[in-house]
Amino acid sequence: MEKDLFLTILRDELVKRGLTPEVAQRHVRSISLTLTAEDVKAIEHIDDHADIEAIAEGIASVKLRTSEKKAEPKPEALSPVSGAKRPTAEKKHPAPVHIEDEEEAVATPPLRASTKSRLLFVCTIPLFLLLLALYLGVFALGFSALLGIIVLLVAALIGGVAAGATVSLVGIIYGITQLLTATSAAPGLYEIGLGLAVAGIVMLGGILIYNCAIRLIPRVIRLLGKLFKLCAKKLKQFFRTAKEASYKL
């Protein structure tokens, strides 16, 4: 998740939990100014809205507890002369700086990895490289096969139309010649009919090959591209999950 989107959702969740928009915005701005590079990486690993709700709940509970403590009435001391109550001098307490630190700690829990966890993660890198090579190899083979099929279908279309047109013209011309030279009209009509039948078959086959090469295969390529993106996203999530799991060990 991006940093700006995380801060926006966090501000809205704080408002839902009783903080005023100004206070929520001030806390979010304070958090954004203190984020480190590791904190930003931790935010990028957040994919579930429930995690942000848990962070907002922790900040809101700390803030509300602080507000309740500030709102408690001060005890009044009795005057030793008249017995009337007189206000006691308010004690000045230092600003609760630690509250801000607690809020920042709840909002942006940094990921700390030990040497053992890092070594374990490094040992899993060859496995990820193998999965990446297999993933790229399978999809490269699939795209190459589909492009090759398109080339073969176009070549078959050109060759089939050329051969069919030649056979059809030869049959029609030969049949006309037989009609003009032979005493019987049956042989000539047979060759002419055969030439027309070949022309029809070639036309039908050309239409089918054209639709397969120009419409069907490109649609399959687009579907394969969507599957490629989906698998890339799942592989990235798997990589992040394995990294976080190794860091938690």
Foldseek 3Di string as FASTA:
>chain_A
DAPVVLLVLLLVLLVVLPDDSVVSVVLSVVLVVPDDPQLRVVVVLDDDSVLSNQLSVQLNVLVVVVVVVVPDDDDWDADPPPRHTDRDDDDDDDDPPVSSVSSSCSNRPGQDFDPQLVVVLVVCVVVLVVVVVVLVVVLVVVVVVLVVLLVVLVVCLVVLLVVLLVQLVVLLVVLVVCCVPPPDNVVSVVSNVVSVVSNVVSVVSNVVSCCCNPPVSVVVVVVSVVVSVVVVVVSVSVSSVSSSVSRVD
